[in-house]
């Protein structure tokens, strides 16, 4: 499968939104429209650390990788959190997820990032198969406290 990966642009909203809503459906999450709008605004804001890379086949978006670099107390360079990685159901199994991760690795090497990390649900076997091809999970357990 041939596709291009690039940074999301304002004209990509309809395609990103289509994928975003499929992603929320996959995880059985219902977000208020203002949260989605805020996420898109952050992605487009060059002063914000949140970034989005999108994979396209022509004008059709196949997937996205929303990530943000941040400082670390463990190393001098930035770490990068891959917060959301999603590939449309129609494009799964065709290397899009791997290509998006490889794209972030290349960007990170150019930018001097220290490491790329992410989370997934324990029962997301298809994603974990891809992720395990890069590294093993590190044994950390996430705690989330709403404020």
C-alpha atoms as a PDB file:
ATOM      1  CA  UNK A   1       0.000   0.000   0.000  1.00  0.00           C
ATOM      2  CA  UNK A   2       1.338   3.407  -0.954  1.00  0.00           C
ATOM      3  CA  UNK A   3       0.576   6.342   1.313  1.00  0.00           C
ATOM      4  CA  UNK A   4       2.037   9.657   2.408  1.00  0.00           C
ATOM      5  CA  UNK A   5       2.631  10.808   5.977  1.00  0.00           C
ATOM      6  CA  UNK A   6       2.648  14.478   6.867  1.00  0.00           C
ATOM      7  CA  UNK A   7       1.723  16.946   9.578  1.00  0.00           C
ATOM      8  CA  UNK A   8      -2.002  17.677   9.880  1.00  0.00           C
ATOM      9  CA  UNK A   9      -3.180  20.918   8.280  1.00  0.00           C
ATOM     10  CA  UNK A  10      -6.395  22.910   8.724  1.00  0.00           C
ATOM     11  CA  UNK A  11      -7.775  21.536   5.430  1.00  0.00           C
ATOM     12  CA  UNK A  12      -7.513  18.008   6.908  1.00  0.00           C
ATOM     13  CA  UNK A  13     -10.236  18.595   9.494  1.00  0.00           C
ATOM     14  CA  UNK A  14     -12.973  16.528   7.800  1.00  0.00           C
ATOM     15  CA  UNK A  15     -10.689  13.515   7.343  1.00  0.00           C
ATOM     16  CA  UNK A  16      -9.175  13.835  10.823  1.00  0.00           C
ATOM     17  CA  UNK A  17     -12.646  14.192  12.333  1.00  0.00           C
ATOM     18  CA  UNK A  18     -13.861  11.057  10.550  1.00  0.00           C
ATOM     19  CA  UNK A  19     -10.929   9.082  11.949  1.00  0.00           C
ATOM     20  CA  UNK A  20     -11.189  10.723  15.383  1.00  0.00           C
ATOM     21  CA  UNK A  21     -14.823   9.682  15.741  1.00  0.00           C
ATOM     22  CA  UNK A  22     -13.999   6.134  14.618  1.00  0.00           C
ATOM     23  CA  UNK A  23     -11.222   6.103  17.237  1.00  0.00           C
ATOM     24  CA  UNK A  24     -13.634   7.211  19.961  1.00  0.00           C
ATOM     25  CA  UNK A  25     -16.124   4.558  18.844  1.00  0.00           C
ATOM     26  CA  UNK A  26     -13.386   1.900  18.950  1.00  0.00           C
ATOM     27  CA  UNK A  27     -12.654   2.794  22.582  1.00  0.00           C
ATOM     28  CA  UNK A  28     -16.365   3.282  23.384  1.00  0.00           C
ATOM     29  CA  UNK A  29     -15.783   6.894  24.457  1.00  0.00           C
ATOM     30  CA  UNK A  30     -18.201   9.772  24.019  1.00  0.00           C
ATOM     31  CA  UNK A  31     -16.468  13.156  24.191  1.00  0.00           C
ATOM     32  CA  UNK A  32     -18.176  16.519  24.240  1.00  0.00           C
ATOM     33  CA  UNK A  33     -17.764  18.404  20.944  1.00  0.00           C
ATOM     34  CA  UNK A  34     -15.788  21.151  22.685  1.00  0.00           C
ATOM     35  CA  UNK A  35     -13.104  18.608  23.670  1.00  0.00           C
ATOM     36  CA  UNK A  36     -12.734  17.500  20.060  1.00  0.00           C
ATOM     37  CA  UNK A  37     -12.598  21.146  18.955  1.00  0.00           C
ATOM     38  CA  UNK A  38      -9.937  21.906  21.578  1.00  0.00           C
ATOM     39  CA  UNK A  39      -7.854  18.919  20.467  1.00  0.00           C
ATOM     40  CA  UNK A  40      -7.979  20.040  16.829  1.00  0.00           C
ATOM     41  CA  UNK A  41      -7.118  23.617  17.822  1.00  0.00           C
ATOM     42  CA  UNK A  42      -4.084  22.389  19.773  1.00  0.00           C
ATOM     43  CA  UNK A  43      -2.946  20.270  16.837  1.00  0.00           C
ATOM     44  CA  UNK A  44      -3.049  23.306  14.539  1.00  0.00           C
ATOM     45  CA  UNK A  45      -1.462  25.743  17.000  1.00  0.00           C
ATOM     46  CA  UNK A  46       2.274  25.959  16.171  1.00  0.00           C
ATOM     47  CA  UNK A  47       2.945  27.239  19.696  1.00  0.00           C
ATOM     48  CA  UNK A  48       1.352  24.148  21.283  1.00  0.00           C
ATOM     49  CA  UNK A  49       3.399  21.017  21.859  1.00  0.00           C
ATOM     50  CA  UNK A  50       0.624  18.686  20.652  1.00  0.00           C
ATOM     51  CA  UNK A  51       1.260  17.537  17.100  1.00  0.00           C
ATOM     52  CA  UNK A  52      -0.480  15.205  14.686  1.00  0.00           C
ATOM     53  CA  UNK A  53       0.968  13.220  11.827  1.00  0.00           C
ATOM     54  CA  UNK A  54      -1.507  11.756   9.349  1.00  0.00           C
ATOM     55  CA  UNK A  55      -1.200   8.984   6.774  1.00  0.00           C
ATOM     56  CA  UNK A  56      -3.025   9.555   3.469  1.00  0.00           C
ATOM     57  CA  UNK A  57      -3.847   7.558   0.385  1.00  0.00           C
ATOM     58  CA  UNK A  58      -4.571  10.435  -1.978  1.00  0.00           C
ATOM     59  CA  UNK A  59      -7.153  12.598  -0.208  1.00  0.00           C
ATOM     60  CA  UNK A  60      -8.294   9.813   2.120  1.00  0.00           C
ATOM     61  CA  UNK A  61      -6.813   9.750   5.618  1.00  0.00           C
ATOM     62  CA  UNK A  62      -5.846   6.261   6.746  1.00  0.00           C
ATOM     63  CA  UNK A  63      -4.606   7.003  10.253  1.00  0.00           C
ATOM     64  CA  UNK A  64      -3.080   9.487  12.638  1.00  0.00           C
ATOM     65  CA  UNK A  65      -0.486   9.736  15.404  1.00  0.00           C
ATOM     66  CA  UNK A  66      -1.130  12.467  17.978  1.00  0.00           C
ATOM     67  CA  UNK A  67       1.961  13.059  20.076  1.00  0.00           C
ATOM     68  CA  UNK A  68       3.656  15.661  22.198  1.00  0.00           C
ATOM     69  CA  UNK A  69       7.242  16.110  23.309  1.00  0.00           C
ATOM     70  CA  UNK A  70       7.844  17.020  26.937  1.00  0.00           C
ATOM     71  CA  UNK A  71      10.764  17.497  29.260  1.00  0.00           C
ATOM     72  CA  UNK A  72      11.863  14.722  31.586  1.00  0.00           C
ATOM     73  CA  UNK A  73      13.478  14.541  34.985  1.00  0.00           C
ATOM     74  CA  UNK A  74      15.434  11.464  33.831  1.00  0.00           C
ATOM     75  CA  UNK A  75      17.250  12.800  30.761  1.00  0.00           C
ATOM     76  CA  UNK A  76      18.216  16.173  29.298  1.00  0.00           C
ATOM     77  CA  UNK A  77      16.445  15.617  25.956  1.00  0.00           C
ATOM     78  CA  UNK A  78      12.677  15.525  25.488  1.00  0.00           C
ATOM     79  CA  UNK A  79      10.605  12.392  25.754  1.00  0.00           C
ATOM     80  CA  UNK A  80       7.681  12.069  23.356  1.00  0.00           C
ATOM     81  CA  UNK A  81       4.320  10.686  24.374  1.00  0.00           C
ATOM     82  CA  UNK A  82       2.360   9.054  21.567  1.00  0.00           C
ATOM     83  CA  UNK A  83      -1.066   9.745  23.034  1.00  0.00           C
ATOM     84  CA  UNK A  84      -3.282   8.529  20.221  1.00  0.00           C
ATOM     85  CA  UNK A  85      -2.457   6.202  17.346  1.00  0.00           C
ATOM     86  CA  UNK A  86      -5.323   5.117  15.127  1.00  0.00           C
ATOM     87  CA  UNK A  87      -5.685   3.419  11.761  1.00  0.00           C
ATOM     88  CA  UNK A  88      -9.043   3.100  10.016  1.00  0.00           C
ATOM     89  CA  UNK A  89     -10.552  -0.373   9.993  1.00  0.00           C
ATOM     90  CA  UNK A  90     -10.214  -0.486   6.199  1.00  0.00           C
ATOM     91  CA  UNK A  91      -6.471   0.217   6.343  1.00  0.00           C
ATOM     92  CA  UNK A  92      -5.499  -2.079   9.227  1.00  0.00           C
ATOM     93  CA  UNK A  93      -2.965  -4.794   8.523  1.00  0.00           C
ATOM     94  CA  UNK A  94      -1.421  -2.817   5.668  1.00  0.00           C
ATOM     95  CA  UNK A  95       1.494  -1.252   7.542  1.00  0.00           C
ATOM     96  CA  UNK A  96      -0.049   2.151   8.265  1.00  0.00           C
ATOM     97  CA  UNK A  97       0.397   1.923  12.049  1.00  0.00           C
ATOM     98  CA  UNK A  98       3.996   0.786  11.645  1.00  0.00           C
ATOM     99  CA  UNK A  99       4.648   3.582   9.137  1.00  0.00           C
ATOM    100  CA  UNK A 100       3.273   6.187  11.559  1.00  0.00           C
ATOM    101  CA  UNK A 101       5.508   4.869  14.351  1.00  0.00           C
ATOM    102  CA  UNK A 102       8.516   4.766  12.020  1.00  0.00           C
ATOM    103  CA  UNK A 103       7.730   8.346  10.992  1.00  0.00           C
ATOM    104  CA  UNK A 104       7.798   9.450  14.644  1.00  0.00           C
ATOM    105  CA  UNK A 105      11.046   7.567  15.224  1.00  0.00           C
ATOM    106  CA  UNK A 106      12.651   9.373  12.274  1.00  0.00           C
ATOM    107  CA  UNK A 107      11.329  12.749  13.446  1.00  0.00           C
ATOM    108  CA  UNK A 108      12.574  12.006  16.938  1.00  0.00           C
ATOM    109  CA  UNK A 109      16.036  11.077  15.758  1.00  0.00           C
ATOM    110  CA  UNK A 110      16.237  14.311  13.758  1.00  0.00           C
ATOM    111  CA  UNK A 111      14.958  16.397  16.689  1.00  0.00           C
ATOM    112  CA  UNK A 112      17.101  14.697  19.328  1.00  0.00           C
ATOM    113  CA  UNK A 113      14.218  13.234  21.339  1.00  0.00           C
ATOM    114  CA  UNK A 114      15.307  10.747  23.977  1.00  0.00           C
ATOM    115  CA  UNK A 115      12.479   8.212  23.755  1.00  0.00           C
ATOM    116  CA  UNK A 116       9.005   7.601  22.382  1.00  0.00           C
ATOM    117  CA  UNK A 117       6.442   5.924  24.619  1.00  0.00           C
ATOM    118  CA  UNK A 118       2.744   5.064  24.590  1.00  0.00           C
ATOM    119  CA  UNK A 119      -0.010   3.136  26.359  1.00  0.00           C
ATOM    120  CA  UNK A 120      -2.706   0.782  25.109  1.00  0.00           C
ATOM    121  CA  UNK A 121      -5.436  -1.343  26.605  1.00  0.00           C
ATOM    122  CA  UNK A 122      -4.318  -4.765  27.787  1.00  0.00           C
ATOM    123  CA  UNK A 123      -6.879  -6.453  25.527  1.00  0.00           C
ATOM    124  CA  UNK A 124      -5.910  -4.571  22.345  1.00  0.00           C
ATOM    125  CA  UNK A 125      -4.172  -7.643  20.908  1.00  0.00           C
ATOM    126  CA  UNK A 126      -3.773  -6.347  17.358  1.00  0.00           C
ATOM    127  CA  UNK A 127      -2.077  -3.135  18.480  1.00  0.00           C
ATOM    128  CA  UNK A 128       0.036  -4.960  21.046  1.00  0.00           C
ATOM    129  CA  UNK A 129       1.371  -7.284  18.355  1.00  0.00           C
ATOM    130  CA  UNK A 130       2.666  -4.227  16.491  1.00  0.00           C
ATOM    131  CA  UNK A 131       3.980  -2.556  19.648  1.00  0.00           C
ATOM    132  CA  UNK A 132       5.729  -5.717  20.850  1.00  0.00           C
ATOM    133  CA  UNK A 133       7.675  -5.758  17.572  1.00  0.00           C
ATOM    134  CA  UNK A 134       9.401  -2.550  18.782  1.00  0.00           C
ATOM    135  CA  UNK A 135       9.894  -3.266  22.453  1.00  0.00           C
ATOM    136  CA  UNK A 136       8.314  -5.082  25.362  1.00  0.00           C
ATOM    137  CA  UNK A 137       5.964  -3.260  27.704  1.00  0.00           C
ATOM    138  CA  UNK A 138       7.926  -1.803  30.574  1.00  0.00           C
ATOM    139  CA  UNK A 139       5.878  -3.078  33.490  1.00  0.00           C
ATOM    140  CA  UNK A 140       4.486   0.278  34.535  1.00  0.00           C
ATOM    141  CA  UNK A 141       0.904   0.548  35.656  1.00  0.00           C
ATOM    142  CA  UNK A 142      -0.913   3.789  34.910  1.00  0.00           C
ATOM    143  CA  UNK A 143      -2.931   5.601  37.596  1.00  0.00           C
ATOM    144  CA  UNK A 144      -5.400   8.278  36.534  1.00  0.00           C
ATOM    145  CA  UNK A 145      -6.854  10.651  39.102  1.00  0.00           C
ATOM    146  CA  UNK A 146      -9.547  13.034  37.874  1.00  0.00           C
ATOM    147  CA  UNK A 147      -9.199  16.581  39.212  1.00  0.00           C
END
